[in-house]
């Protein structure tokens, strides 16, 4: 294994470890996590998130989705993707839910975005790729 490949894989390893710590803290602290779609939900479940993961694309209208969240949770984190669409969804939901008295835990979105961004990932479902690369690294 050449040196640059090993360094890249070591970066994946460190990123994965840091990410799992943040996700565990988030899972212990929030009531629910909001994501865009099923692949994002599956990625978080595979990373060990046990809280409810609510999907924006669940078939509810925007108003119904907000009502659903408000009726069940007091503390939410929003993990939409870090692209234009995901940022827009995050901003819109954050404003509306905070207006209704729901606490949006922004620090987890910020921390996860920073961790994932360092490895070039801009979406939540990429956690699967990172996890696979992590396990490939430790097997060698």
N, C-alpha and C. Protein backbone atom coordinates (compact mmCIF):
# COMPACT_ATOMS: atom_id res chain seq x y z
N UNK A 1 0.86 -1.17 0.00
CA UNK A 1 0.00 0.00 0.00
C UNK A 1 0.90 1.24 0.00
N UNK A 2 0.73 2.11 -1.00
CA UNK A 2 1.61 3.27 -1.06
C UNK A 2 1.26 4.30 0.01
N UNK A 3 2.20 5.19 0.24
CA UNK A 3 2.09 6.14 1.34
C UNK A 3 0.89 7.09 1.20
N UNK A 4 0.66 7.62 0.00
CA UNK A 4 -0.44 8.57 -0.16
C UNK A 4 -1.80 7.88 0.00
N UNK A 5 -1.91 6.63 -0.49
CA UNK A 5 -3.14 5.87 -0.32
C UNK A 5 -3.38 5.62 1.17
N UNK A 6 -2.34 5.23 1.87
CA UNK A 6 -2.46 4.96 3.31
C UNK A 6 -2.85 6.23 4.06
N UNK A 7 -2.27 7.36 3.70
CA UNK A 7 -2.61 8.63 4.35
C UNK A 7 -4.07 8.98 4.09
N UNK A 8 -4.53 8.76 2.86
CA UNK A 8 -5.93 9.03 2.53
C UNK A 8 -6.85 8.15 3.37
N UNK A 9 -6.52 6.88 3.46
CA UNK A 9 -7.34 5.95 4.25
C UNK A 9 -7.30 6.29 5.73
N UNK A 10 -6.15 6.75 6.22
CA UNK A 10 -6.05 7.16 7.62
C UNK A 10 -6.98 8.36 7.85
N UNK A 11 -7.06 9.26 6.88
CA UNK A 11 -7.99 10.38 6.98
C UNK A 11 -9.42 9.90 7.05
N UNK A 12 -9.77 8.90 6.24
CA UNK A 12 -11.12 8.32 6.30
C UNK A 12 -11.38 7.73 7.68
N UNK A 13 -10.40 7.03 8.22
CA UNK A 13 -10.50 6.41 9.54
C UNK A 13 -10.79 7.47 10.61
N UNK A 14 -9.98 8.52 10.62
CA UNK A 14 -10.14 9.58 11.61
C UNK A 14 -11.48 10.29 11.45
N UNK A 15 -11.87 10.51 10.20
CA UNK A 15 -13.15 11.16 9.93
C UNK A 15 -14.30 10.30 10.44
N UNK A 16 -14.23 9.01 10.18
CA UNK A 16 -15.28 8.09 10.63
C UNK A 16 -15.39 8.09 12.15
N UNK A 17 -14.28 8.02 12.84
CA UNK A 17 -14.28 8.01 14.31
C UNK A 17 -14.89 9.30 14.84
N UNK A 18 -14.48 10.44 14.28
CA UNK A 18 -15.02 11.73 14.72
C UNK A 18 -16.52 11.80 14.45
N UNK A 19 -16.93 11.34 13.27
CA UNK A 19 -18.34 11.36 12.89
C UNK A 19 -19.18 10.50 13.84
N UNK A 20 -18.71 9.31 14.17
CA UNK A 20 -19.48 8.44 15.06
C UNK A 20 -19.65 9.08 16.45
N UNK A 21 -18.63 9.80 16.91
CA UNK A 21 -18.75 10.47 18.21
C UNK A 21 -19.83 11.54 18.18
N UNK A 22 -19.84 12.35 17.12
CA UNK A 22 -20.84 13.41 17.01
C UNK A 22 -22.24 12.81 16.87
N UNK A 23 -22.37 11.75 16.07
CA UNK A 23 -23.68 11.12 15.89
C UNK A 23 -24.19 10.51 17.19
N UNK A 24 -23.29 9.91 17.98
CA UNK A 24 -23.70 9.34 19.27
C UNK A 24 -24.19 10.42 20.22
N UNK A 25 -23.43 11.53 20.28
CA UNK A 25 -23.85 12.65 21.13
C UNK A 25 -25.21 13.18 20.68
N UNK A 26 -25.38 13.33 19.37
CA UNK A 26 -26.64 13.82 18.81
C UNK A 26 -27.78 12.86 19.18
N UNK A 27 -27.54 11.57 19.01
CA UNK A 27 -28.57 10.57 19.29
C UNK A 27 -28.98 10.58 20.76
N UNK A 28 -28.05 10.88 21.63
CA UNK A 28 -28.35 10.95 23.06
C UNK A 28 -29.12 12.22 23.42
N UNK A 29 -29.00 13.26 22.59
CA UNK A 29 -29.49 14.57 22.98
C UNK A 29 -30.80 15.00 22.32
N UNK A 30 -31.01 14.65 21.07
CA UNK A 30 -32.21 15.13 20.36
C UNK A 30 -33.35 14.11 20.44
N UNK A 31 -34.55 14.59 20.12
CA UNK A 31 -35.72 13.72 20.08
C UNK A 31 -35.90 13.08 18.70
N UNK A 32 -35.47 13.80 17.66
CA UNK A 32 -35.65 13.30 16.29
C UNK A 32 -34.66 14.00 15.36
N UNK A 33 -34.46 13.37 14.20
CA UNK A 33 -33.59 13.90 13.16
C UNK A 33 -34.42 14.00 11.88
N UNK A 34 -34.30 15.11 11.18
CA UNK A 34 -35.00 15.30 9.91
C UNK A 34 -33.99 15.15 8.78
N UNK A 35 -34.33 14.32 7.79
CA UNK A 35 -33.50 14.13 6.60
C UNK A 35 -34.37 14.31 5.36
N UNK A 36 -33.71 14.31 4.19
CA UNK A 36 -34.45 14.50 2.94
C UNK A 36 -35.12 13.22 2.45
N UNK A 37 -34.42 12.10 2.50
CA UNK A 37 -34.99 10.91 1.89
C UNK A 37 -34.54 9.61 2.52
N UNK A 38 -34.98 8.51 1.91
CA UNK A 38 -34.78 7.18 2.46
C UNK A 38 -33.30 6.78 2.55
N UNK A 39 -32.49 7.19 1.57
CA UNK A 39 -31.07 6.83 1.62
C UNK A 39 -30.36 7.52 2.78
N UNK A 40 -30.77 8.75 3.06
CA UNK A 40 -30.22 9.47 4.21
C UNK A 40 -30.63 8.77 5.51
N UNK A 41 -31.88 8.38 5.59
CA UNK A 41 -32.39 7.69 6.77
C UNK A 41 -31.64 6.38 6.99
N UNK A 42 -31.47 5.61 5.92
CA UNK A 42 -30.74 4.34 6.02
C UNK A 42 -29.30 4.55 6.46
N UNK A 43 -28.66 5.59 5.93
CA UNK A 43 -27.27 5.88 6.30
C UNK A 43 -27.16 6.18 7.79
N UNK A 44 -28.06 6.99 8.32
CA UNK A 44 -28.02 7.31 9.75
C UNK A 44 -28.31 6.08 10.61
N UNK A 45 -29.25 5.26 10.16
CA UNK A 45 -29.54 4.03 10.91
C UNK A 45 -28.31 3.12 10.93
N UNK A 46 -27.64 3.00 9.79
CA UNK A 46 -26.44 2.16 9.73
C UNK A 46 -25.31 2.72 10.59
N UNK A 47 -25.33 4.03 10.82
CA UNK A 47 -24.33 4.67 11.67
C UNK A 47 -24.72 4.60 13.15
N UNK A 48 -25.86 3.98 13.44
CA UNK A 48 -26.25 3.75 14.83
C UNK A 48 -27.24 4.72 15.43
N UNK A 49 -27.81 5.61 14.63
CA UNK A 49 -28.80 6.55 15.16
C UNK A 49 -30.07 5.77 15.48
N UNK A 50 -30.56 5.95 16.70
CA UNK A 50 -31.73 5.20 17.16
C UNK A 50 -32.99 6.05 17.29
N UNK A 51 -32.83 7.37 17.32
CA UNK A 51 -33.99 8.25 17.43
C UNK A 51 -34.78 8.21 16.13
N UNK A 52 -36.02 8.69 16.19
CA UNK A 52 -36.81 8.71 14.96
C UNK A 52 -36.12 9.58 13.92
N UNK A 53 -36.12 9.09 12.69
CA UNK A 53 -35.57 9.84 11.57
C UNK A 53 -36.75 10.13 10.65
N UNK A 54 -37.16 11.40 10.63
CA UNK A 54 -38.32 11.82 9.83
C UNK A 54 -37.83 12.32 8.48
N UNK A 55 -38.51 11.88 7.43
CA UNK A 55 -38.11 12.26 6.07
C UNK A 55 -39.00 13.35 5.52
N UNK A 56 -38.39 14.39 4.98
CA UNK A 56 -39.14 15.47 4.33
C UNK A 56 -39.97 14.92 3.16
N UNK A 57 -39.45 13.88 2.53
CA UNK A 57 -40.11 13.31 1.35
C UNK A 57 -41.10 12.20 1.72
N UNK A 58 -41.67 12.28 2.91
CA UNK A 58 -42.52 11.19 3.41
C UNK A 58 -43.95 11.21 2.88
N UNK A 59 -44.27 12.17 2.00
CA UNK A 59 -45.61 12.22 1.44
C UNK A 59 -46.51 13.23 2.10
N UNK A 60 -46.07 13.80 3.21
CA UNK A 60 -46.82 14.87 3.86
C UNK A 60 -46.64 16.16 3.07
N UNK A 61 -47.63 17.05 3.15
CA UNK A 61 -47.41 18.41 2.66
C UNK A 61 -46.44 19.07 3.65
N UNK A 62 -45.89 20.20 3.26
CA UNK A 62 -44.98 20.92 4.15
C UNK A 62 -45.66 21.23 5.48
N UNK A 63 -46.88 21.76 5.44
CA UNK A 63 -47.62 22.11 6.65
C UNK A 63 -47.89 20.88 7.52
N UNK A 64 -48.26 19.77 6.89
CA UNK A 64 -48.52 18.53 7.64
C UNK A 64 -47.23 18.01 8.29
N UNK A 65 -46.12 18.12 7.57
CA UNK A 65 -44.84 17.65 8.10
C UNK A 65 -44.44 18.49 9.33
N UNK A 66 -44.59 19.79 9.23
CA UNK A 66 -44.28 20.68 10.36
C UNK A 66 -45.20 20.35 11.55
N UNK A 67 -46.49 20.17 11.29
CA UNK A 67 -47.43 19.81 12.36
C UNK A 67 -47.06 18.48 13.01
N UNK A 68 -46.67 17.52 12.18
CA UNK A 68 -46.25 16.20 12.69
C UNK A 68 -45.06 16.36 13.64
N UNK A 69 -44.06 17.11 13.22
CA UNK A 69 -42.87 17.30 14.06
C UNK A 69 -43.23 18.05 15.35
N UNK A 70 -44.03 19.10 15.23
CA UNK A 70 -44.40 19.91 16.39
C UNK A 70 -45.20 19.11 17.41
N UNK A 71 -45.99 18.19 16.94
CA UNK A 71 -46.86 17.44 17.86
C UNK A 71 -46.09 16.37 18.63
N UNK A 72 -44.88 16.05 18.21
CA UNK A 72 -44.16 14.95 18.82
C UNK A 72 -42.83 15.31 19.50
N UNK A 73 -42.18 16.39 19.07
CA UNK A 73 -40.80 16.62 19.49
C UNK A 73 -40.56 18.03 20.01
N UNK A 74 -39.61 18.14 20.91
CA UNK A 74 -39.21 19.43 21.45
C UNK A 74 -37.81 19.82 20.99
N UNK A 75 -36.98 18.84 20.62
CA UNK A 75 -35.58 19.08 20.28
C UNK A 75 -35.23 18.25 19.03
N UNK A 76 -34.94 18.95 17.95
CA UNK A 76 -34.73 18.30 16.64
C UNK A 76 -33.42 18.78 16.04
N UNK A 77 -32.78 17.91 15.29
CA UNK A 77 -31.69 18.36 14.43
C UNK A 77 -32.09 18.08 12.98
N UNK A 78 -31.68 18.96 12.10
CA UNK A 78 -32.03 18.83 10.68
C UNK A 78 -30.76 18.50 9.90
N UNK A 79 -30.73 17.30 9.33
CA UNK A 79 -29.56 16.85 8.57
C UNK A 79 -29.92 16.67 7.10
N UNK A 80 -30.35 17.77 6.49
CA UNK A 80 -30.54 17.73 5.04
C UNK A 80 -29.16 17.88 4.41
N UNK A 81 -29.06 17.59 3.12
CA UNK A 81 -27.77 17.64 2.44
C UNK A 81 -27.21 19.06 2.48
N UNK A 82 -25.94 19.15 2.13
CA UNK A 82 -25.22 20.42 2.18
C UNK A 82 -25.14 21.08 0.81
N UNK A 83 -26.09 20.76 -0.05
CA UNK A 83 -26.20 21.42 -1.36
C UNK A 83 -27.25 22.52 -1.25
N UNK A 84 -27.52 23.21 -2.34
CA UNK A 84 -28.45 24.33 -2.32
C UNK A 84 -29.84 23.90 -1.84
N UNK A 85 -30.35 22.81 -2.37
CA UNK A 85 -31.70 22.35 -2.00
C UNK A 85 -31.76 21.99 -0.52
N UNK A 86 -30.76 21.26 -0.04
CA UNK A 86 -30.74 20.86 1.36
C UNK A 86 -30.63 22.03 2.31
N UNK A 87 -29.81 23.01 1.93
CA UNK A 87 -29.68 24.21 2.76
C UNK A 87 -30.99 24.99 2.81
N UNK A 88 -31.70 25.03 1.68
CA UNK A 88 -32.97 25.73 1.61
C UNK A 88 -34.01 25.05 2.51
N UNK A 89 -34.09 23.73 2.44
CA UNK A 89 -35.02 22.98 3.29
C UNK A 89 -34.69 23.23 4.76
N UNK A 90 -33.40 23.15 5.09
CA UNK A 90 -32.96 23.37 6.47
C UNK A 90 -33.39 24.75 6.97
N UNK A 91 -33.14 25.77 6.18
CA UNK A 91 -33.46 27.13 6.59
C UNK A 91 -34.97 27.31 6.79
N UNK A 92 -35.73 26.82 5.83
CA UNK A 92 -37.20 26.96 5.89
C UNK A 92 -37.78 26.24 7.11
N UNK A 93 -37.34 25.00 7.33
CA UNK A 93 -37.84 24.24 8.48
C UNK A 93 -37.39 24.86 9.80
N UNK A 94 -36.14 25.28 9.85
CA UNK A 94 -35.62 25.87 11.09
C UNK A 94 -36.43 27.10 11.49
N UNK A 95 -36.66 28.00 10.55
CA UNK A 95 -37.41 29.22 10.85
C UNK A 95 -38.82 28.87 11.35
N UNK A 96 -39.47 27.98 10.65
CA UNK A 96 -40.86 27.64 11.00
C UNK A 96 -40.95 26.92 12.34
N UNK A 97 -40.09 25.94 12.55
CA UNK A 97 -40.16 25.17 13.80
C UNK A 97 -39.73 26.00 15.01
N UNK A 98 -38.72 26.85 14.84
CA UNK A 98 -38.31 27.70 15.96
C UNK A 98 -39.41 28.69 16.32
N UNK A 99 -40.11 29.18 15.32
CA UNK A 99 -41.23 30.10 15.56
C UNK A 99 -42.30 29.41 16.40
N UNK A 100 -42.41 28.10 16.24
CA UNK A 100 -43.42 27.32 16.97
C UNK A 100 -42.89 26.79 18.31
N UNK A 101 -41.66 27.19 18.67
CA UNK A 101 -41.12 26.81 19.98
C UNK A 101 -40.32 25.52 20.01
N UNK A 102 -40.03 24.96 18.85
CA UNK A 102 -39.22 23.73 18.80
C UNK A 102 -37.75 24.14 18.78
N UNK A 103 -36.93 23.48 19.58
CA UNK A 103 -35.50 23.77 19.63
C UNK A 103 -34.81 23.01 18.49
N UNK A 104 -34.16 23.75 17.60
CA UNK A 104 -33.40 23.13 16.51
C UNK A 104 -31.93 23.13 16.93
N UNK A 105 -31.38 21.94 17.07
CA UNK A 105 -29.99 21.78 17.48
C UNK A 105 -29.09 21.90 16.25
N UNK A 106 -28.69 23.13 15.94
CA UNK A 106 -27.92 23.42 14.74
C UNK A 106 -26.48 22.92 14.83
N UNK A 107 -25.97 22.79 16.03
CA UNK A 107 -24.55 22.42 16.17
C UNK A 107 -24.24 21.06 15.55
N UNK A 108 -25.20 20.14 15.56
CA UNK A 108 -24.93 18.82 14.98
C UNK A 108 -24.85 18.91 13.46
N UNK A 109 -25.73 19.68 12.86
CA UNK A 109 -25.65 19.88 11.41
C UNK A 109 -24.30 20.51 11.04
N UNK A 110 -23.91 21.53 11.83
CA UNK A 110 -22.64 22.22 11.56
C UNK A 110 -21.45 21.27 11.71
N UNK A 111 -21.41 20.53 12.81
CA UNK A 111 -20.28 19.62 13.06
C UNK A 111 -20.21 18.52 11.99
N UNK A 112 -21.34 17.92 11.68
CA UNK A 112 -21.36 16.83 10.69
C UNK A 112 -20.99 17.37 9.32
N UNK A 113 -21.50 18.55 8.98
CA UNK A 113 -21.14 19.16 7.69
C UNK A 113 -19.66 19.41 7.57
N UNK A 114 -19.06 19.89 8.65
CA UNK A 114 -17.61 20.15 8.64
C UNK A 114 -16.83 18.84 8.50
N UNK A 115 -17.20 17.84 9.26
CA UNK A 115 -16.50 16.55 9.21
C UNK A 115 -16.62 15.94 7.82
N UNK A 116 -17.82 15.88 7.29
CA UNK A 116 -18.05 15.28 5.98
C UNK A 116 -17.37 16.10 4.88
N UNK A 117 -17.44 17.42 5.00
CA UNK A 117 -16.86 18.31 4.01
C UNK A 117 -15.35 18.14 3.88
N UNK A 118 -14.68 17.84 4.98
CA UNK A 118 -13.23 17.62 4.94
C UNK A 118 -12.85 16.45 4.05
N UNK A 119 -13.77 15.51 3.87
CA UNK A 119 -13.51 14.34 3.01
C UNK A 119 -14.19 14.50 1.65
N UNK A 120 -14.78 15.66 1.41
CA UNK A 120 -15.39 15.94 0.11
C UNK A 120 -16.83 15.47 -0.03
N UNK A 121 -17.47 15.13 1.07
CA UNK A 121 -18.86 14.67 1.03
C UNK A 121 -19.79 15.83 1.29
N UNK A 122 -20.89 15.89 0.52
CA UNK A 122 -21.87 16.97 0.68
C UNK A 122 -23.27 16.45 0.97
N UNK A 123 -23.41 15.14 1.12
CA UNK A 123 -24.73 14.60 1.41
C UNK A 123 -24.67 13.57 2.51
N UNK A 124 -25.79 13.38 3.18
CA UNK A 124 -25.87 12.51 4.35
C UNK A 124 -25.67 11.04 3.96
N UNK A 125 -26.21 10.63 2.83
CA UNK A 125 -26.09 9.22 2.45
C UNK A 125 -24.63 8.80 2.21
N UNK A 126 -23.73 9.75 2.02
CA UNK A 126 -22.31 9.43 1.83
C UNK A 126 -21.68 8.81 3.07
N UNK A 127 -22.37 8.87 4.19
CA UNK A 127 -21.87 8.22 5.39
C UNK A 127 -21.65 6.73 5.12
N UNK A 128 -22.49 6.14 4.26
CA UNK A 128 -22.32 4.73 3.90
C UNK A 128 -20.97 4.48 3.26
N UNK A 129 -20.57 5.34 2.32
CA UNK A 129 -19.29 5.21 1.65
C UNK A 129 -18.15 5.33 2.65
N UNK A 130 -18.26 6.31 3.53
CA UNK A 130 -17.24 6.52 4.53
C UNK A 130 -17.12 5.31 5.45
N UNK A 131 -18.24 4.75 5.85
CA UNK A 131 -18.23 3.58 6.72
C UNK A 131 -17.57 2.39 6.02
N UNK A 132 -17.90 2.18 4.76
CA UNK A 132 -17.29 1.07 4.00
C UNK A 132 -15.79 1.26 3.89
N UNK A 133 -15.36 2.49 3.63
CA UNK A 133 -13.93 2.76 3.52
C UNK A 133 -13.23 2.57 4.86
N UNK A 134 -13.91 2.92 5.94
CA UNK A 134 -13.37 2.73 7.28
C UNK A 134 -13.12 1.24 7.53
N UNK A 135 -14.11 0.40 7.26
CA UNK A 135 -13.96 -1.02 7.52
C UNK A 135 -12.95 -1.68 6.58
N UNK A 136 -12.85 -1.16 5.37
CA UNK A 136 -11.81 -1.66 4.45
C UNK A 136 -10.42 -1.32 4.99
N UNK A 137 -10.30 -0.14 5.58
CA UNK A 137 -9.02 0.30 6.15
C UNK A 137 -8.62 -0.58 7.32
N UNK A 138 -9.53 -0.84 8.25
CA UNK A 138 -9.16 -1.59 9.45
C UNK A 138 -8.94 -3.07 9.16
N UNK A 139 -9.45 -3.57 8.04
CA UNK A 139 -9.22 -4.96 7.68
C UNK A 139 -7.83 -5.19 7.12
N UNK A 140 -7.15 -4.11 6.72
CA UNK A 140 -5.81 -4.27 6.14
C UNK A 140 -4.74 -4.07 7.15
